[in-house]
Amino acid sequence: MLPALAALVARASGIPVPACAPVVGSRAFAHESGVHVDGTLKAPRAYEPYDPADIGVQRRLVLGAQSGRASLRAAAAAFDLDVTEEELVALVEVVRSSAVPKGRSFAAGSRSSYQVPAA
């Protein structure tokens, strides 16, 4: 769909699509911030003007220095893991302390970036 067309134009022109480009960038539907992720999971339209599936992409949640319990809870669910609230609090600290020294989120495409099942 639209992202595929943007990739075709990028290849033909030799100008890559910036990751942060609206709609077609690889980070257009990627969310990291704890409050932002929590809100996106509860009310996607509050943070996304339309369903990412409408243009053939999926929402991604990214674990990093800004992640909160909602992010870790969703990650655990995506990997079919049961975690307690106490474990979530500990996991948040581990993720944040691991990401902060790098000054960024974990690498895109690693296990720190995952697809969220459609609501």
PDB file of N, CA and C in Angstrom:
ATOM      1  N   MET A   1       0.829  -1.177   0.000  1.00  0.00           N
ATOM      2  CA  MET A   1       0.000   0.000   0.000  1.00  0.00           C
ATOM      3  C   MET A   1       0.880   1.250   0.000  1.00  0.00           C
ATOM      4  N   LEU A   2       0.517   2.238   0.787  1.00  0.00           N
ATOM      5  CA  LEU A   2       1.240   3.510   0.795  1.00  0.00           C
ATOM      6  C   LEU A   2       2.710   3.358   1.209  1.00  0.00           C
ATOM      7  N   PRO A   3       3.032   2.608   2.276  1.00  0.00           N
ATOM      8  CA  PRO A   3       4.448   2.427   2.613  1.00  0.00           C
ATOM      9  C   PRO A   3       5.237   1.746   1.489  1.00  0.00           C
ATOM     10  N   ALA A   4       4.617   0.804   0.797  1.00  0.00           N
ATOM     11  CA  ALA A   4       5.294   0.139  -0.316  1.00  0.00           C
ATOM     12  C   ALA A   4       5.556   1.122  -1.450  1.00  0.00           C
ATOM     13  N   LEU A   5       4.605   1.991  -1.717  1.00  0.00           N
ATOM     14  CA  LEU A   5       4.781   3.016  -2.747  1.00  0.00           C
ATOM     15  C   LEU A   5       5.910   3.973  -2.349  1.00  0.00           C
ATOM     16  N   ALA A   6       5.938   4.375  -1.081  1.00  0.00           N
ATOM     17  CA  ALA A   6       7.002   5.266  -0.602  1.00  0.00           C
ATOM     18  C   ALA A   6       8.362   4.596  -0.734  1.00  0.00           C
ATOM     19  N   ALA A   7       8.438   3.303  -0.441  1.00  0.00           N
ATOM     20  CA  ALA A   7       9.704   2.564  -0.576  1.00  0.00           C
ATOM     21  C   ALA A   7      10.132   2.499  -2.036  1.00  0.00           C
ATOM     22  N   LEU A   8       9.182   2.303  -2.949  1.00  0.00           N
ATOM     23  CA  LEU A   8       9.476   2.269  -4.376  1.00  0.00           C
ATOM     24  C   LEU A   8      10.034   3.617  -4.846  1.00  0.00           C
ATOM     25  N   VAL A   9       9.394   4.695  -4.429  1.00  0.00           N
ATOM     26  CA  VAL A   9       9.857   6.027  -4.797  1.00  0.00           C
ATOM     27  C   VAL A   9      11.247   6.282  -4.200  1.00  0.00           C
ATOM     28  N   ALA A  10      11.465   5.825  -2.966  1.00  0.00           N
ATOM     29  CA  ALA A  10      12.772   6.003  -2.323  1.00  0.00           C
ATOM     30  C   ALA A  10      13.865   5.275  -3.101  1.00  0.00           C
ATOM     31  N   ARG A  11      13.574   4.053  -3.513  1.00  0.00           N
ATOM     32  CA  ARG A  11      14.562   3.297  -4.299  1.00  0.00           C
ATOM     33  C   ARG A  11      14.819   3.972  -5.637  1.00  0.00           C
ATOM     34  N   ALA A  12      13.755   4.409  -6.309  1.00  0.00           N
ATOM     35  CA  ALA A  12      13.907   5.028  -7.626  1.00  0.00           C
ATOM     36  C   ALA A  12      14.651   6.360  -7.553  1.00  0.00           C
ATOM     37  N   SER A  13      14.419   7.102  -6.495  1.00  0.00           N
ATOM     38  CA  SER A  13      15.033   8.425  -6.382  1.00  0.00           C
ATOM     39  C   SER A  13      16.387   8.404  -5.672  1.00  0.00           C
ATOM     40  N   GLY A  14      16.638   7.312  -4.954  1.00  0.00           N
ATOM     41  CA  GLY A  14      17.871   7.232  -4.182  1.00  0.00           C
ATOM     42  C   GLY A  14      17.821   8.049  -2.899  1.00  0.00           C
ATOM     43  N   ILE A  15      16.633   8.506  -2.539  1.00  0.00           N
ATOM     44  CA  ILE A  15      16.452   9.284  -1.311  1.00  0.00           C
ATOM     45  C   ILE A  15      15.639   8.443  -0.333  1.00  0.00           C
ATOM     46  N   PRO A  16      16.263   8.007   0.752  1.00  0.00           N
ATOM     47  CA  PRO A  16      15.540   7.146   1.697  1.00  0.00           C
ATOM     48  C   PRO A  16      14.405   7.874   2.409  1.00  0.00           C
ATOM     49  N   VAL A  17      13.401   7.114   2.800  1.00  0.00           N
ATOM     50  CA  VAL A  17      12.295   7.652   3.588  1.00  0.00           C
ATOM     51  C   VAL A  17      12.802   7.794   5.028  1.00  0.00           C
ATOM     52  N   PRO A  18      12.758   8.986   5.590  1.00  0.00           N
ATOM     53  CA  PRO A  18      13.202   9.142   6.977  1.00  0.00           C
ATOM     54  C   PRO A  18      12.336   8.308   7.918  1.00  0.00           C
ATOM     55  N   ALA A  19      12.952   7.705   8.904  1.00  0.00           N
ATOM     56  CA  ALA A  19      12.224   6.868   9.862  1.00  0.00           C
ATOM     57  C   ALA A  19      11.104   7.641  10.547  1.00  0.00           C
ATOM     58  N   CYS A  20      11.307   8.931  10.750  1.00  0.00           N
ATOM     59  CA  CYS A  20      10.304   9.736  11.449  1.00  0.00           C
ATOM     60  C   CYS A  20       9.283  10.385  10.504  1.00  0.00           C
ATOM     61  N   ALA A  21       9.306  10.026   9.237  1.00  0.00           N
ATOM     62  CA  ALA A  21       8.353  10.606   8.283  1.00  0.00           C
ATOM     63  C   ALA A  21       6.925  10.227   8.677  1.00  0.00           C
ATOM     64  N   PRO A  22       5.999  11.178   8.620  1.00  0.00           N
ATOM     65  CA  PRO A  22       4.610  10.857   8.929  1.00  0.00           C
ATOM     66  C   PRO A  22       4.069   9.785   7.981  1.00  0.00           C
ATOM     67  N   VAL A  23       3.205   8.959   8.467  1.00  0.00           N
ATOM     68  CA  VAL A  23       2.491   7.925   7.731  1.00  0.00           C
ATOM     69  C   VAL A  23       3.387   6.798   7.234  1.00  0.00           C
ATOM     70  N   VAL A  24       4.435   7.081   6.496  1.00  0.00           N
ATOM     71  CA  VAL A  24       5.215   6.028   5.839  1.00  0.00           C
ATOM     72  C   VAL A  24       6.569   5.740   6.495  1.00  0.00           C
ATOM     73  N   GLY A  25       6.996   6.537   7.457  1.00  0.00           N
ATOM     74  CA  GLY A  25       8.260   6.285   8.143  1.00  0.00           C
ATOM     75  C   GLY A  25       8.164   5.048   9.023  1.00  0.00           C
ATOM     76  N   SER A  26       9.278   4.385   9.233  1.00  0.00           N
ATOM     77  CA  SER A  26       9.266   3.149  10.018  1.00  0.00           C
ATOM     78  C   SER A  26       8.861   3.377  11.472  1.00  0.00           C
ATOM     79  N   ARG A  27       8.950   4.623  11.938  1.00  0.00           N
ATOM     80  CA  ARG A  27       8.548   4.922  13.315  1.00  0.00           C
ATOM     81  C   ARG A  27       7.202   5.636  13.404  1.00  0.00           C
ATOM     82  N   ALA A  28       6.467   5.707  12.312  1.00  0.00           N
ATOM     83  CA  ALA A  28       5.202   6.442  12.311  1.00  0.00           C
ATOM     84  C   ALA A  28       4.197   5.879  13.311  1.00  0.00           C
ATOM     85  N   PHE A  29       4.206   4.590  13.537  1.00  0.00           N
ATOM     86  CA  PHE A  29       3.272   3.965  14.470  1.00  0.00           C
ATOM     87  C   PHE A  29       4.011   3.224  15.569  1.00  0.00           C
ATOM     88  N   ALA A  30       5.185   3.728  15.930  1.00  0.00           N
ATOM     89  CA  ALA A  30       5.977   3.148  17.011  1.00  0.00           C
ATOM     90  C   ALA A  30       5.832   4.046  18.235  1.00  0.00           C
ATOM     91  N   HIS A  31       5.604   3.434  19.383  1.00  0.00           N
ATOM     92  CA  HIS A  31       5.366   4.177  20.612  1.00  0.00           C
ATOM     93  C   HIS A  31       6.268   3.652  21.721  1.00  0.00           C
ATOM     94  N   GLU A  32       6.848   4.575  22.509  1.00  0.00           N
ATOM     95  CA  GLU A  32       7.721   4.181  23.620  1.00  0.00           C
ATOM     96  C   GLU A  32       7.283   4.749  24.959  1.00  0.00           C
ATOM     97  N   SER A  33       6.936   6.001  25.024  1.00  0.00           N
ATOM     98  CA  SER A  33       6.641   6.666  26.286  1.00  0.00           C
ATOM     99  C   SER A  33       5.540   5.943  27.054  1.00  0.00           C
ATOM    100  N   GLY A  34       5.733   5.793  28.359  1.00  0.00           N
ATOM    101  CA  GLY A  34       4.784   5.050  29.187  1.00  0.00           C
ATOM    102  C   GLY A  34       3.360   5.547  29.086  1.00  0.00           C
ATOM    103  N   VAL A  35       3.155   6.848  29.287  1.00  0.00           N
ATOM    104  CA  VAL A  35       1.802   7.409  29.219  1.00  0.00           C
ATOM    105  C   VAL A  35       1.247   7.284  27.806  1.00  0.00           C
ATOM    106  N   HIS A  36       2.074   7.522  26.825  1.00  0.00           N
ATOM    107  CA  HIS A  36       1.666   7.440  25.416  1.00  0.00           C
ATOM    108  C   HIS A  36       1.236   6.004  25.078  1.00  0.00           C
ATOM    109  N   VAL A  37       2.021   5.017  25.493  1.00  0.00           N
ATOM    110  CA  VAL A  37       1.680   3.609  25.226  1.00  0.00           C
ATOM    111  C   VAL A  37       0.394   3.239  25.934  1.00  0.00           C
ATOM    112  N   ASP A  38       0.272   3.616  27.201  1.00  0.00           N
ATOM    113  CA  ASP A  38      -0.935   3.294  27.952  1.00  0.00           C
ATOM    114  C   ASP A  38      -2.164   3.871  27.264  1.00  0.00           C
ATOM    115  N   GLY A  39      -2.067   5.144  26.857  1.00  0.00           N
ATOM    116  CA  GLY A  39      -3.185   5.780  26.161  1.00  0.00           C
ATOM    117  C   GLY A  39      -3.474   5.135  24.816  1.00  0.00           C
ATOM    118  N   THR A  40      -2.434   4.786  24.081  1.00  0.00           N
ATOM    119  CA  THR A  40      -2.612   4.147  22.770  1.00  0.00           C
ATOM    120  C   THR A  40      -3.306   2.805  22.907  1.00  0.00           C
ATOM    121  N   LEU A  41      -2.940   2.043  23.930  1.00  0.00           N
ATOM    122  CA  LEU A  41      -3.563   0.735  24.131  1.00  0.00           C
ATOM    123  C   LEU A  41      -5.023   0.869  24.560  1.00  0.00           C
ATOM    124  N   LYS A  42      -5.325   1.918  25.335  1.00  0.00           N
ATOM    125  CA  LYS A  42      -6.698   2.110  25.818  1.00  0.00           C
ATOM    126  C   LYS A  42      -7.586   2.802  24.788  1.00  0.00           C
ATOM    127  N   ALA A  43      -7.041   3.774  24.062  1.00  0.00           N
ATOM    128  CA  ALA A  43      -7.821   4.561  23.103  1.00  0.00           C
ATOM    129  C   ALA A  43      -6.924   4.928  21.922  1.00  0.00           C
ATOM    130  N   PRO A  44      -6.718   3.998  20.983  1.00  0.00           N
ATOM    131  CA  PRO A  44      -5.790   4.240  19.874  1.00  0.00           C
ATOM    132  C   PRO A  44      -6.046   5.527  19.105  1.00  0.00           C
ATOM    133  N   ARG A  45      -7.283   5.919  18.933  1.00  0.00           N
ATOM    134  CA  ARG A  45      -7.597   7.127  18.147  1.00  0.00           C
ATOM    135  C   ARG A  45      -7.096   8.401  18.826  1.00  0.00           C
ATOM    136  N   ALA A  46      -6.811   8.339  20.108  1.00  0.00           N
ATOM    137  CA  ALA A  46      -6.284   9.513  20.804  1.00  0.00           C
ATOM    138  C   ALA A  46      -4.857   9.837  20.356  1.00  0.00           C
ATOM    139  N   TYR A  47      -4.122   8.810  19.881  1.00  0.00           N
ATOM    140  CA  TYR A  47      -2.721   9.003  19.487  1.00  0.00           C
ATOM    141  C   TYR A  47      -2.454   8.697  18.015  1.00  0.00           C
ATOM    142  N   GLU A  48      -3.387   8.062  17.365  1.00  0.00           N
ATOM    143  CA  GLU A  48      -3.231   7.719  15.944  1.00  0.00           C
ATOM    144  C   GLU A  48      -4.493   8.171  15.210  1.00  0.00           C
ATOM    145  N   PRO A  49      -4.336   8.961  14.145  1.00  0.00           N
ATOM    146  CA  PRO A  49      -5.519   9.489  13.461  1.00  0.00           C
ATOM    147  C   PRO A  49      -6.336   8.421  12.735  1.00  0.00           C
ATOM    148  N   TYR A  50      -5.712   7.267  12.490  1.00  0.00           N
ATOM    149  CA  TYR A  50      -6.402   6.164  11.836  1.00  0.00           C
ATOM    150  C   TYR A  50      -5.687   4.871  12.200  1.00  0.00           C
ATOM    151  N   ASP A  51      -6.327   3.768  11.939  1.00  0.00           N
ATOM    152  CA  ASP A  51      -5.762   2.458  12.249  1.00  0.00           C
ATOM    153  C   ASP A  51      -4.576   2.200  11.321  1.00  0.00           C
ATOM    154  N   PRO A  52      -3.409   1.838  11.869  1.00  0.00           N
ATOM    155  CA  PRO A  52      -2.250   1.566  11.007  1.00  0.00           C
ATOM    156  C   PRO A  52      -2.548   0.502   9.946  1.00  0.00           C
ATOM    157  N   ALA A  53      -3.428  -0.425  10.244  1.00  0.00           N
ATOM    158  CA  ALA A  53      -3.785  -1.477   9.276  1.00  0.00           C
ATOM    159  C   ALA A  53      -4.428  -0.891   8.022  1.00  0.00           C
ATOM    160  N   ASP A  54      -5.021   0.304   8.138  1.00  0.00           N
ATOM    161  CA  ASP A  54      -5.643   0.946   6.972  1.00  0.00           C
ATOM    162  C   ASP A  54      -4.633   1.209   5.857  1.00  0.00           C
ATOM    163  N   ILE A  55      -3.355   1.341   6.212  1.00  0.00           N
ATOM    164  CA  ILE A  55      -2.333   1.557   5.183  1.00  0.00           C
ATOM    165  C   ILE A  55      -1.355   0.382   5.101  1.00  0.00           C
ATOM    166  N   GLY A  56      -1.712  -0.724   5.755  1.00  0.00           N
ATOM    167  CA  GLY A  56      -0.910  -1.934   5.624  1.00  0.00           C
ATOM    168  C   GLY A  56       0.274  -2.062   6.560  1.00  0.00           C
ATOM    169  N   VAL A  57       0.256  -1.345   7.684  1.00  0.00           N
ATOM    170  CA  VAL A  57       1.329  -1.481   8.672  1.00  0.00           C
ATOM    171  C   VAL A  57       0.736  -1.831  10.031  1.00  0.00           C
ATOM    172  N   GLN A  58       1.603  -2.168  10.984  1.00  0.00           N
ATOM    173  CA  GLN A  58       1.153  -2.508  12.324  1.00  0.00           C
ATOM    174  C   GLN A  58       1.742  -1.554  13.339  1.00  0.00           C
ATOM    175  N   ARG A  59       1.016  -1.352  14.410  1.00  0.00           N
ATOM    176  CA  ARG A  59       1.517  -0.575  15.535  1.00  0.00           C
ATOM    177  C   ARG A  59       2.665  -1.346  16.180  1.00  0.00           C
ATOM    178  N   ARG A  60       3.711  -0.617  16.598  1.00  0.00           N
ATOM    179  CA  ARG A  60       4.829  -1.234  17.320  1.00  0.00           C
ATOM    180  C   ARG A  60       5.031  -0.511  18.637  1.00  0.00           C
ATOM    181  N   LEU A  61       5.280  -1.268  19.666  1.00  0.00           N
ATOM    182  CA  LEU A  61       5.662  -0.684  20.939  1.00  0.00           C
ATOM    183  C   LEU A  61       7.145  -0.946  21.115  1.00  0.00           C
ATOM    184  N   VAL A  62       7.858   0.080  21.545  1.00  0.00           N
ATOM    185  CA  VAL A  62       9.307   0.004  21.681  1.00  0.00           C
ATOM    186  C   VAL A  62       9.664   0.130  23.153  1.00  0.00           C
ATOM    187  N   LEU A  63      10.530  -0.734  23.628  1.00  0.00           N
ATOM    188  CA  LEU A  63      10.989  -0.651  25.007  1.00  0.00           C
ATOM    189  C   LEU A  63      12.235   0.215  25.069  1.00  0.00           C
ATOM    190  N   GLY A  64      12.254   1.149  26.009  1.00  0.00           N
ATOM    191  CA  GLY A  64      13.396   2.035  26.145  1.00  0.00           C
ATOM    192  C   GLY A  64      13.326   2.825  27.426  1.00  0.00           C
ATOM    193  N   ALA A  65      14.082   3.894  27.479  1.00  0.00           N
ATOM    194  CA  ALA A  65      14.217   4.703  28.692  1.00  0.00           C
ATOM    195  C   ALA A  65      12.894   5.328  29.137  1.00  0.00           C
ATOM    196  N   GLN A  66      11.956   5.508  28.226  1.00  0.00           N
ATOM    197  CA  GLN A  66      10.677   6.134  28.559  1.00  0.00           C
ATOM    198  C   GLN A  66       9.565   5.128  28.828  1.00  0.00           C
ATOM    199  N   SER A  67       9.851   3.834  28.738  1.00  0.00           N
ATOM    200  CA  SER A  67       8.829   2.803  28.902  1.00  0.00           C
ATOM    201  C   SER A  67       8.288   2.756  30.323  1.00  0.00           C
ATOM    202  N   GLY A  68       7.036   2.344  30.421  1.00  0.00           N
ATOM    203  CA  GLY A  68       6.385   2.195  31.716  1.00  0.00           C
ATOM    204  C   GLY A  68       5.758   0.820  31.847  1.00  0.00           C
ATOM    205  N   ARG A  69       4.968   0.662  32.893  1.00  0.00           N
ATOM    206  CA  ARG A  69       4.349  -0.648  33.157  1.00  0.00           C
ATOM    207  C   ARG A  69       3.438  -1.111  32.027  1.00  0.00           C
ATOM    208  N   ALA A  70       2.697  -0.185  31.405  1.00  0.00           N
ATOM    209  CA  ALA A  70       1.802  -0.584  30.313  1.00  0.00           C
ATOM    210  C   ALA A  70       2.599  -1.201  29.169  1.00  0.00           C
ATOM    211  N   SER A  71       3.750  -0.624  28.865  1.00  0.00           N
ATOM    212  CA  SER A  71       4.605  -1.159  27.800  1.00  0.00           C
ATOM    213  C   SER A  71       5.077  -2.563  28.135  1.00  0.00           C
ATOM    214  N   LEU A  72       5.556  -2.727  29.367  1.00  0.00           N
ATOM    215  CA  LEU A  72       6.068  -4.034  29.777  1.00  0.00           C
ATOM    216  C   LEU A  72       4.942  -5.059  29.902  1.00  0.00           C
ATOM    217  N   ARG A  73       3.777  -4.631  30.359  1.00  0.00           N
ATOM    218  CA  ARG A  73       2.623  -5.540  30.448  1.00  0.00           C
ATOM    219  C   ARG A  73       2.234  -6.012  29.049  1.00  0.00           C
ATOM    220  N   ALA A  74       2.205  -5.091  28.088  1.00  0.00           N
ATOM    221  CA  ALA A  74       1.862  -5.460  26.706  1.00  0.00           C
ATOM    222  C   ALA A  74       2.930  -6.364  26.102  1.00  0.00           C
ATOM    223  N   ALA A  75       4.203  -6.092  26.402  1.00  0.00           N
ATOM    224  CA  ALA A  75       5.287  -6.950  25.895  1.00  0.00           C
ATOM    225  C   ALA A  75       5.160  -8.358  26.459  1.00  0.00           C
ATOM    226  N   ALA A  76       4.890  -8.445  27.756  1.00  0.00           N
ATOM    227  CA  ALA A  76       4.730  -9.756  28.381  1.00  0.00           C
ATOM    228  C   ALA A  76       3.562 -10.512  27.747  1.00  0.00           C
ATOM    229  N   ALA A  77       2.461  -9.815  27.521  1.00  0.00           N
ATOM    230  CA  ALA A  77       1.304 -10.454  26.893  1.00  0.00           C
ATOM    231  C   ALA A  77       1.612 -10.904  25.471  1.00  0.00           C
ATOM    232  N   ALA A  78       2.376 -10.080  24.728  1.00  0.00           N
ATOM    233  CA  ALA A  78       2.734 -10.423  23.349  1.00  0.00           C
ATOM    234  C   ALA A  78       3.563 -11.702  23.294  1.00  0.00           C
ATOM    235  N   PHE A  79       4.317 -11.953  24.362  1.00  0.00           N
ATOM    236  CA  PHE A  79       5.140 -13.168  24.423  1.00  0.00           C
ATOM    237  C   PHE A  79       4.507 -14.227  25.312  1.00  0.00           C
ATOM    238  N   ASP A  80       3.207 -14.038  25.638  1.00  0.00           N
ATOM    239  CA  ASP A  80       2.424 -14.994  26.430  1.00  0.00           C
ATOM    240  C   ASP A  80       3.067 -15.282  27.788  1.00  0.00           C
ATOM    241  N   LEU A  81       3.522 -14.210  28.452  1.00  0.00           N
ATOM    242  CA  LEU A  81       4.139 -14.333  29.777  1.00  0.00           C
ATOM    243  C   LEU A  81       3.223 -13.718  30.823  1.00  0.00           C
ATOM    244  N   ASP A  82       3.095 -14.378  31.945  1.00  0.00           N
ATOM    245  CA  ASP A  82       2.339 -13.832  33.065  1.00  0.00           C
ATOM    246  C   ASP A  82       3.317 -13.171  34.023  1.00  0.00           C
ATOM    247  N   VAL A  83       3.092 -11.892  34.332  1.00  0.00           N
ATOM    248  CA  VAL A  83       3.949 -11.183  35.277  1.00  0.00           C
ATOM    249  C   VAL A  83       3.077 -10.459  36.300  1.00  0.00           C
ATOM    250  N   THR A  84       3.568 -10.376  37.514  1.00  0.00           N
ATOM    251  CA  THR A  84       2.855  -9.663  38.569  1.00  0.00           C
ATOM    252  C   THR A  84       3.183  -8.175  38.484  1.00  0.00           C
ATOM    253  N   GLU A  85       2.417  -7.360  39.212  1.00  0.00           N
ATOM    254  CA  GLU A  85       2.700  -5.922  39.251  1.00  0.00           C
ATOM    255  C   GLU A  85       4.082  -5.660  39.831  1.00  0.00           C
ATOM    256  N   GLU A  86       4.475  -6.441  40.837  1.00  0.00           N
ATOM    257  CA  GLU A  86       5.801  -6.272  41.432  1.00  0.00           C
ATOM    258  C   GLU A  86       6.891  -6.575  40.407  1.00  0.00           C
ATOM    259  N   GLU A  87       6.689  -7.621  39.613  1.00  0.00           N
ATOM    260  CA  GLU A  87       7.658  -7.958  38.567  1.00  0.00           C
ATOM    261  C   GLU A  87       7.712  -6.869  37.498  1.00  0.00           C
ATOM    262  N   LEU A  88       6.548  -6.273  37.181  1.00  0.00           N
ATOM    263  CA  LEU A  88       6.519  -5.183  36.199  1.00  0.00           C
ATOM    264  C   LEU A  88       7.332  -3.995  36.680  1.00  0.00           C
ATOM    265  N   VAL A  89       7.188  -3.642  37.944  1.00  0.00           N
ATOM    266  CA  VAL A  89       7.940  -2.519  38.497  1.00  0.00           C
ATOM    267  C   VAL A  89       9.443  -2.788  38.372  1.00  0.00           C
ATOM    268  N   ALA A  90       9.857  -4.006  38.708  1.00  0.00           N
ATOM    269  CA  ALA A  90      11.275  -4.371  38.613  1.00  0.00           C
ATOM    270  C   ALA A  90      11.739  -4.360  37.153  1.00  0.00           C
ATOM    271  N   LEU A  91      10.903  -4.874  36.254  1.00  0.00           N
ATOM    272  CA  LEU A  91      11.262  -4.900  34.835  1.00  0.00           C
ATOM    273  C   LEU A  91      11.406  -3.499  34.264  1.00  0.00           C
ATOM    274  N   VAL A  92      10.528  -2.593  34.670  1.00  0.00           N
ATOM    275  CA  VAL A  92      10.615  -1.208  34.195  1.00  0.00           C
ATOM    276  C   VAL A  92      11.973  -0.629  34.569  1.00  0.00           C
ATOM    277  N   GLU A  93      12.405  -0.864  35.783  1.00  0.00           N
ATOM    278  CA  GLU A  93      13.701  -0.338  36.221  1.00  0.00           C
ATOM    279  C   GLU A  93      14.846  -0.949  35.425  1.00  0.00           C
ATOM    280  N   VAL A  94      14.773  -2.248  35.147  1.00  0.00           N
ATOM    281  CA  VAL A  94      15.819  -2.905  34.364  1.00  0.00           C
ATOM    282  C   VAL A  94      15.865  -2.321  32.951  1.00  0.00           C
ATOM    283  N   VAL A  95      14.711  -2.179  32.317  1.00  0.00           N
ATOM    284  CA  VAL A  95      14.657  -1.647  30.952  1.00  0.00           C
ATOM    285  C   VAL A  95      15.183  -0.213  30.922  1.00  0.00           C
ATOM    286  N   ARG A  96      14.705   0.608  31.837  1.00  0.00           N
ATOM    287  CA  ARG A  96      15.145   2.010  31.856  1.00  0.00           C
ATOM    288  C   ARG A  96      16.642   2.131  32.119  1.00  0.00           C
ATOM    289  N   SER A  97      17.146   1.374  33.076  1.00  0.00           N
ATOM    290  CA  SER A  97      18.570   1.491  33.396  1.00  0.00           C
ATOM    291  C   SER A  97      19.444   0.938  32.275  1.00  0.00           C
ATOM    292  N   SER A  98      18.916  -0.004  31.499  1.00  0.00           N
ATOM    293  CA  SER A  98      19.671  -0.547  30.366  1.00  0.00           C
ATOM    294  C   SER A  98      19.646   0.400  29.175  1.00  0.00           C
ATOM    295  N   ALA A  99      18.564   1.137  29.007  1.00  0.00           N
ATOM    296  CA  ALA A  99      18.423   2.027  27.856  1.00  0.00           C
ATOM    297  C   ALA A  99      19.068   3.388  28.102  1.00  0.00           C
ATOM    298  N   VAL A 100      19.022   3.890  29.319  1.00  0.00           N
ATOM    299  CA  VAL A 100      19.523   5.233  29.618  1.00  0.00           C
ATOM    300  C   VAL A 100      20.994   5.414  29.259  1.00  0.00           C
ATOM    301  N   PRO A 101      21.885   4.458  29.605  1.00  0.00           N
ATOM    302  CA  PRO A 101      23.285   4.674  29.229  1.00  0.00           C
ATOM    303  C   PRO A 101      23.496   4.803  27.717  1.00  0.00           C
ATOM    304  N   LYS A 102      22.642   4.179  26.938  1.00  0.00           N
ATOM    305  CA  LYS A 102      22.748   4.259  25.486  1.00  0.00           C
ATOM    306  C   LYS A 102      22.164   5.569  24.963  1.00  0.00           C
ATOM    307  N   GLY A 103      21.325   6.212  25.780  1.00  0.00           N
ATOM    308  CA  GLY A 103      20.706   7.461  25.381  1.00  0.00           C
ATOM    309  C   GLY A 103      19.611   7.286  24.346  1.00  0.00           C
ATOM    310  N   ARG A 104      19.082   6.089  24.228  1.00  0.00           N
ATOM    311  CA  ARG A 104      18.040   5.837  23.228  1.00  0.00           C
ATOM    312  C   ARG A 104      17.290   4.554  23.574  1.00  0.00           C
ATOM    313  N   SER A 105      16.329   4.221  22.754  1.00  0.00           N
ATOM    314  CA  SER A 105      15.614   2.966  22.899  1.00  0.00           C
ATOM    315  C   SER A 105      16.522   1.834  22.460  1.00  0.00           C
ATOM    316  N   PHE A 106      16.102   0.641  22.763  1.00  0.00           N
ATOM    317  CA  PHE A 106      16.856  -0.505  22.271  1.00  0.00           C
ATOM    318  C   PHE A 106      16.743  -0.537  20.755  1.00  0.00           C
ATOM    319  N   ALA A 107      17.589  -1.268  20.094  1.00  0.00           N
ATOM    320  CA  ALA A 107      17.641  -1.300  18.628  1.00  0.00           C
ATOM    321  C   ALA A 107      16.306  -1.735  18.029  1.00  0.00           C
ATOM    322  N   ALA A 108      15.852  -0.998  17.028  1.00  0.00           N
ATOM    323  CA  ALA A 108      14.642  -1.386  16.298  1.00  0.00           C
ATOM    324  C   ALA A 108      14.887  -2.735  15.639  1.00  0.00           C
ATOM    325  N   GLY A 109      13.887  -3.581  15.662  1.00  0.00           N
ATOM    326  CA  GLY A 109      14.024  -4.903  15.062  1.00  0.00           C
ATOM    327  C   GLY A 109      14.520  -5.934  16.050  1.00  0.00           C
ATOM    328  N   SER A 110      14.966  -5.481  17.216  1.00  0.00           N
ATOM    329  CA  SER A 110      15.378  -6.440  18.240  1.00  0.00           C
ATOM    330  C   SER A 110      14.136  -6.885  19.001  1.00  0.00           C
ATOM    331  N   ARG A 111      14.330  -7.681  20.008  1.00  0.00           N
ATOM    332  CA  ARG A 111      13.193  -8.137  20.787  1.00  0.00           C
ATOM    333  C   ARG A 111      12.590  -7.021  21.625  1.00  0.00           C
ATOM    334  N   SER A 112      13.198  -5.848  21.638  1.00  0.00           N
ATOM    335  CA  SER A 112      12.624  -4.727  22.388  1.00  0.00           C
ATOM    336  C   SER A 112      11.539  -4.004  21.585  1.00  0.00           C
ATOM    337  N   SER A 113      11.388  -4.345  20.334  1.00  0.00           N
ATOM    338  CA  SER A 113      10.367  -3.770  19.474  1.00  0.00           C
ATOM    339  C   SER A 113       9.435  -4.904  19.074  1.00  0.00           C
ATOM    340  N   TYR A 114       8.148  -4.744  19.344  1.00  0.00           N
ATOM    341  CA  TYR A 114       7.231  -5.855  19.092  1.00  0.00           C
ATOM    342  C   TYR A 114       5.907  -5.340  18.568  1.00  0.00           C
ATOM    343  N   GLN A 115       5.210  -6.207  17.872  1.00  0.00           N
ATOM    344  CA  GLN A 115       3.910  -5.864  17.312  1.00  0.00           C
ATOM    345  C   GLN A 115       2.856  -6.046  18.389  1.00  0.00           C
ATOM    346  N   VAL A 116       1.855  -5.199  18.378  1.00  0.00           N
ATOM    347  CA  VAL A 116       0.752  -5.304  19.304  1.00  0.00           C
ATOM    348  C   VAL A 116      -0.406  -5.952  18.562  1.00  0.00           C
ATOM    349  N   PRO A 117      -0.982  -7.031  19.114  1.00  0.00           N
ATOM    350  CA  PRO A 117      -2.129  -7.652  18.444  1.00  0.00           C
ATOM    351  C   PRO A 117      -3.257  -6.643  18.275  1.00  0.00           C
ATOM    352  N   ALA A 118      -3.981  -6.746  17.201  1.00  0.00           N
ATOM    353  CA  ALA A 118      -5.096  -5.840  16.934  1.00  0.00           C
ATOM    354  C   ALA A 118      -6.127  -5.948  18.047  1.00  0.00           C
ATOM    355  N   ALA A 119      -6.671  -4.806  18.444  1.00  0.00           N
ATOM    356  CA  ALA A 119      -7.665  -4.773  19.521  1.00  0.00           C
ATOM    357  C   ALA A 119      -9.001  -5.274  19.035  1.00  0.00           C
TER     358      ALA A 119
END
